[in-house]
N, C-alpha and C. Protein backbone atom coordinates (compact mmCIF):
# COMPACT_ATOMS: atom_id res chain seq x y z
N MET A 1 1.25 2.42 17.05
CA MET A 1 0.94 2.07 15.69
C MET A 1 -0.58 1.90 15.57
N THR A 2 -1.17 2.48 14.54
CA THR A 2 -2.61 2.38 14.38
C THR A 2 -3.01 1.04 13.81
N GLY A 3 -4.21 0.60 14.12
CA GLY A 3 -4.70 -0.67 13.63
C GLY A 3 -4.91 -0.69 12.13
N GLU A 4 -5.19 0.47 11.54
CA GLU A 4 -5.47 0.49 10.11
C GLU A 4 -4.21 0.48 9.26
N CYS A 5 -3.10 0.86 9.80
CA CYS A 5 -1.87 0.96 9.02
C CYS A 5 -1.50 -0.37 8.39
N TYR A 6 -1.54 -1.44 9.14
CA TYR A 6 -1.09 -2.72 8.63
C TYR A 6 -2.03 -3.31 7.60
N LYS A 7 -3.23 -2.76 7.45
CA LYS A 7 -4.18 -3.29 6.49
C LYS A 7 -4.00 -2.70 5.09
N LYS A 8 -3.18 -1.66 4.96
CA LYS A 8 -3.00 -1.03 3.66
C LYS A 8 -2.25 -1.95 2.72
N ARG A 9 -2.68 -1.95 1.48
CA ARG A 9 -2.08 -2.80 0.47
C ARG A 9 -1.12 -1.99 -0.39
N PHE A 10 -0.34 -2.69 -1.19
CA PHE A 10 0.68 -2.06 -2.02
C PHE A 10 0.10 -0.92 -2.85
N GLY A 11 -0.98 -1.19 -3.58
CA GLY A 11 -1.56 -0.19 -4.46
C GLY A 11 -2.07 1.03 -3.71
N THR A 12 -2.68 0.81 -2.57
CA THR A 12 -3.19 1.92 -1.76
C THR A 12 -2.06 2.83 -1.33
N ILE A 13 -0.98 2.25 -0.88
CA ILE A 13 0.16 3.05 -0.44
C ILE A 13 0.77 3.81 -1.62
N ALA A 14 0.88 3.15 -2.77
CA ALA A 14 1.45 3.81 -3.96
C ALA A 14 0.60 5.01 -4.37
N VAL A 15 -0.71 4.89 -4.29
CA VAL A 15 -1.59 6.01 -4.61
C VAL A 15 -1.44 7.11 -3.57
N GLU A 16 -1.43 6.75 -2.30
CA GLU A 16 -1.31 7.73 -1.22
C GLU A 16 0.00 8.52 -1.32
N LYS A 17 1.04 7.86 -1.77
CA LYS A 17 2.34 8.54 -1.91
C LYS A 17 2.42 9.36 -3.19
N GLY A 18 1.40 9.26 -4.03
CA GLY A 18 1.37 10.04 -5.26
C GLY A 18 2.20 9.45 -6.38
N PHE A 19 2.60 8.20 -6.24
CA PHE A 19 3.41 7.54 -7.27
C PHE A 19 2.58 7.14 -8.48
N ILE A 20 1.33 6.77 -8.23
CA ILE A 20 0.42 6.35 -9.31
C ILE A 20 -0.94 6.98 -9.06
N THR A 21 -1.78 6.92 -10.09
CA THR A 21 -3.16 7.38 -9.95
C THR A 21 -4.06 6.21 -9.61
N GLU A 22 -5.27 6.53 -9.17
CA GLU A 22 -6.25 5.48 -8.90
C GLU A 22 -6.58 4.73 -10.19
N GLU A 23 -6.58 5.44 -11.31
CA GLU A 23 -6.87 4.81 -12.60
C GLU A 23 -5.78 3.80 -12.98
N GLN A 24 -4.54 4.15 -12.72
CA GLN A 24 -3.44 3.23 -13.02
C GLN A 24 -3.53 1.99 -12.14
N LEU A 25 -3.90 2.17 -10.88
CA LEU A 25 -4.07 1.03 -9.98
C LEU A 25 -5.20 0.15 -10.47
N ALA A 26 -6.32 0.76 -10.85
CA ALA A 26 -7.46 -0.01 -11.35
C ALA A 26 -7.07 -0.80 -12.60
N GLU A 27 -6.30 -0.19 -13.48
CA GLU A 27 -5.84 -0.87 -14.69
C GLU A 27 -4.99 -2.09 -14.33
N ALA A 28 -4.10 -1.92 -13.35
CA ALA A 28 -3.24 -3.02 -12.93
C ALA A 28 -4.05 -4.15 -12.31
N ILE A 29 -5.07 -3.80 -11.55
CA ILE A 29 -5.92 -4.82 -10.94
C ILE A 29 -6.66 -5.61 -12.02
N VAL A 30 -7.18 -4.90 -13.01
CA VAL A 30 -7.86 -5.58 -14.13
C VAL A 30 -6.90 -6.53 -14.82
N MET A 31 -5.68 -6.08 -15.05
CA MET A 31 -4.67 -6.94 -15.69
C MET A 31 -4.39 -8.17 -14.83
N GLN A 32 -4.26 -7.98 -13.53
CA GLN A 32 -3.97 -9.08 -12.63
C GLN A 32 -5.10 -10.11 -12.66
N VAL A 33 -6.34 -9.65 -12.56
CA VAL A 33 -7.48 -10.55 -12.57
C VAL A 33 -7.60 -11.27 -13.91
N SER A 34 -7.40 -10.54 -15.00
CA SER A 34 -7.47 -11.14 -16.33
C SER A 34 -6.44 -12.24 -16.49
N ASP A 35 -5.22 -11.97 -16.05
CA ASP A 35 -4.16 -12.99 -16.10
C ASP A 35 -4.54 -14.21 -15.28
N ASP A 36 -5.04 -13.96 -14.07
CA ASP A 36 -5.42 -15.08 -13.18
C ASP A 36 -6.52 -15.92 -13.82
N MET A 37 -7.51 -15.26 -14.40
CA MET A 37 -8.63 -15.98 -15.01
C MET A 37 -8.20 -16.75 -16.26
N ALA A 38 -7.16 -16.27 -16.92
CA ALA A 38 -6.65 -16.95 -18.11
C ALA A 38 -5.67 -18.07 -17.75
N GLY A 39 -5.45 -18.28 -16.47
CA GLY A 39 -4.56 -19.34 -16.03
C GLY A 39 -3.08 -18.99 -16.14
N LYS A 40 -2.79 -17.72 -16.34
CA LYS A 40 -1.39 -17.30 -16.40
C LYS A 40 -0.82 -17.21 -15.00
N GLU A 41 0.50 -17.13 -14.94
CA GLU A 41 1.17 -17.02 -13.64
C GLU A 41 0.71 -15.74 -12.94
N HIS A 42 0.40 -15.85 -11.65
CA HIS A 42 -0.05 -14.70 -10.87
C HIS A 42 1.07 -13.67 -10.75
N ARG A 43 0.73 -12.42 -11.01
CA ARG A 43 1.69 -11.33 -10.86
C ARG A 43 1.19 -10.38 -9.77
N LEU A 44 2.10 -9.93 -8.95
CA LEU A 44 1.76 -8.97 -7.91
C LEU A 44 1.49 -7.61 -8.53
N ILE A 45 0.67 -6.81 -7.86
CA ILE A 45 0.33 -5.48 -8.37
C ILE A 45 1.58 -4.64 -8.57
N GLY A 46 2.51 -4.70 -7.66
CA GLY A 46 3.75 -3.93 -7.80
C GLY A 46 4.52 -4.32 -9.04
N THR A 47 4.53 -5.60 -9.35
CA THR A 47 5.21 -6.08 -10.56
C THR A 47 4.53 -5.53 -11.80
N ILE A 48 3.22 -5.58 -11.82
CA ILE A 48 2.47 -5.08 -12.97
C ILE A 48 2.71 -3.58 -13.15
N LEU A 49 2.63 -2.82 -12.06
CA LEU A 49 2.83 -1.38 -12.14
C LEU A 49 4.24 -1.04 -12.62
N PHE A 50 5.21 -1.83 -12.20
CA PHE A 50 6.59 -1.62 -12.63
C PHE A 50 6.73 -1.96 -14.12
N GLU A 51 6.18 -3.09 -14.52
CA GLU A 51 6.28 -3.52 -15.92
C GLU A 51 5.57 -2.55 -16.87
N GLN A 52 4.50 -1.91 -16.39
CA GLN A 52 3.77 -0.94 -17.20
C GLN A 52 4.50 0.41 -17.25
N GLY A 53 5.53 0.56 -16.43
CA GLY A 53 6.27 1.82 -16.40
C GLY A 53 5.64 2.88 -15.51
N TYR A 54 4.67 2.48 -14.69
CA TYR A 54 4.01 3.42 -13.80
C TYR A 54 4.82 3.68 -12.54
N LEU A 55 5.65 2.72 -12.17
CA LEU A 55 6.53 2.85 -11.01
C LEU A 55 7.95 2.51 -11.42
N ASN A 56 8.91 3.19 -10.80
CA ASN A 56 10.30 2.80 -11.00
C ASN A 56 10.75 1.95 -9.81
N ALA A 57 11.93 1.39 -9.90
CA ALA A 57 12.42 0.47 -8.86
C ALA A 57 12.50 1.15 -7.50
N LYS A 58 12.91 2.40 -7.47
CA LYS A 58 13.02 3.11 -6.18
C LYS A 58 11.64 3.29 -5.55
N GLN A 59 10.64 3.61 -6.36
CA GLN A 59 9.29 3.77 -5.84
C GLN A 59 8.73 2.45 -5.31
N VAL A 60 8.99 1.37 -6.02
CA VAL A 60 8.56 0.05 -5.53
C VAL A 60 9.19 -0.21 -4.17
N ASP A 61 10.47 0.09 -4.03
CA ASP A 61 11.16 -0.12 -2.77
C ASP A 61 10.56 0.73 -1.65
N VAL A 62 10.23 1.97 -1.95
CA VAL A 62 9.63 2.87 -0.95
C VAL A 62 8.30 2.30 -0.46
N VAL A 63 7.48 1.82 -1.40
CA VAL A 63 6.18 1.26 -1.02
C VAL A 63 6.37 -0.01 -0.20
N LEU A 64 7.27 -0.87 -0.62
CA LEU A 64 7.51 -2.11 0.13
C LEU A 64 8.01 -1.81 1.54
N ARG A 65 8.86 -0.82 1.68
CA ARG A 65 9.34 -0.45 3.01
C ARG A 65 8.21 0.11 3.87
N ALA A 66 7.31 0.87 3.26
CA ALA A 66 6.16 1.40 4.00
C ALA A 66 5.28 0.26 4.47
N MET A 67 5.11 -0.76 3.64
CA MET A 67 4.33 -1.93 4.03
C MET A 67 5.00 -2.67 5.17
N GLU A 68 6.30 -2.78 5.11
CA GLU A 68 7.06 -3.48 6.15
C GLU A 68 6.90 -2.78 7.49
N VAL A 69 6.99 -1.47 7.50
CA VAL A 69 6.84 -0.70 8.73
C VAL A 69 5.45 -0.91 9.30
N CYS A 70 4.48 -0.97 8.43
CA CYS A 70 3.09 -1.10 8.88
C CYS A 70 2.76 -2.51 9.35
N THR A 71 3.60 -3.49 9.10
CA THR A 71 3.29 -4.85 9.50
C THR A 71 4.17 -5.34 10.64
N LYS A 72 4.88 -4.43 11.28
CA LYS A 72 5.71 -4.82 12.41
C LYS A 72 5.33 -3.97 13.63
N ASP A 73 5.44 -4.58 14.79
CA ASP A 73 5.21 -3.81 16.01
C ASP A 73 6.51 -3.07 16.36
N PRO A 74 6.52 -2.22 17.39
CA PRO A 74 7.72 -1.44 17.72
C PRO A 74 8.96 -2.28 18.00
N LEU A 75 8.79 -3.55 18.35
CA LEU A 75 9.93 -4.40 18.64
C LEU A 75 10.43 -5.13 17.39
N GLY A 76 9.79 -4.87 16.25
CA GLY A 76 10.25 -5.48 15.01
C GLY A 76 9.66 -6.84 14.72
N ARG A 77 8.74 -7.28 15.56
CA ARG A 77 8.11 -8.57 15.32
C ARG A 77 7.03 -8.43 14.27
N VAL A 78 6.94 -9.38 13.37
CA VAL A 78 5.90 -9.36 12.37
C VAL A 78 4.59 -9.72 13.04
N LEU A 79 3.56 -8.93 12.77
CA LEU A 79 2.24 -9.18 13.39
C LEU A 79 1.44 -10.17 12.58
């Protein structure tokens, strides 16, 4: 397993898989920061992308599974 794999974030993986564009990710990040600064409840990028209709539930699951694989060693232990 490469050292860089586990560092990838949800949005990066979604872009790499071609599910969203970099512009859509940037828009979601702006929304997340704006909400945080306004004192609203923090929303994860995946939630925002789903709510905006940029990702469907299956795509969210695929990205989350890719993140899970990247954060475990071959024996399944979380790093």
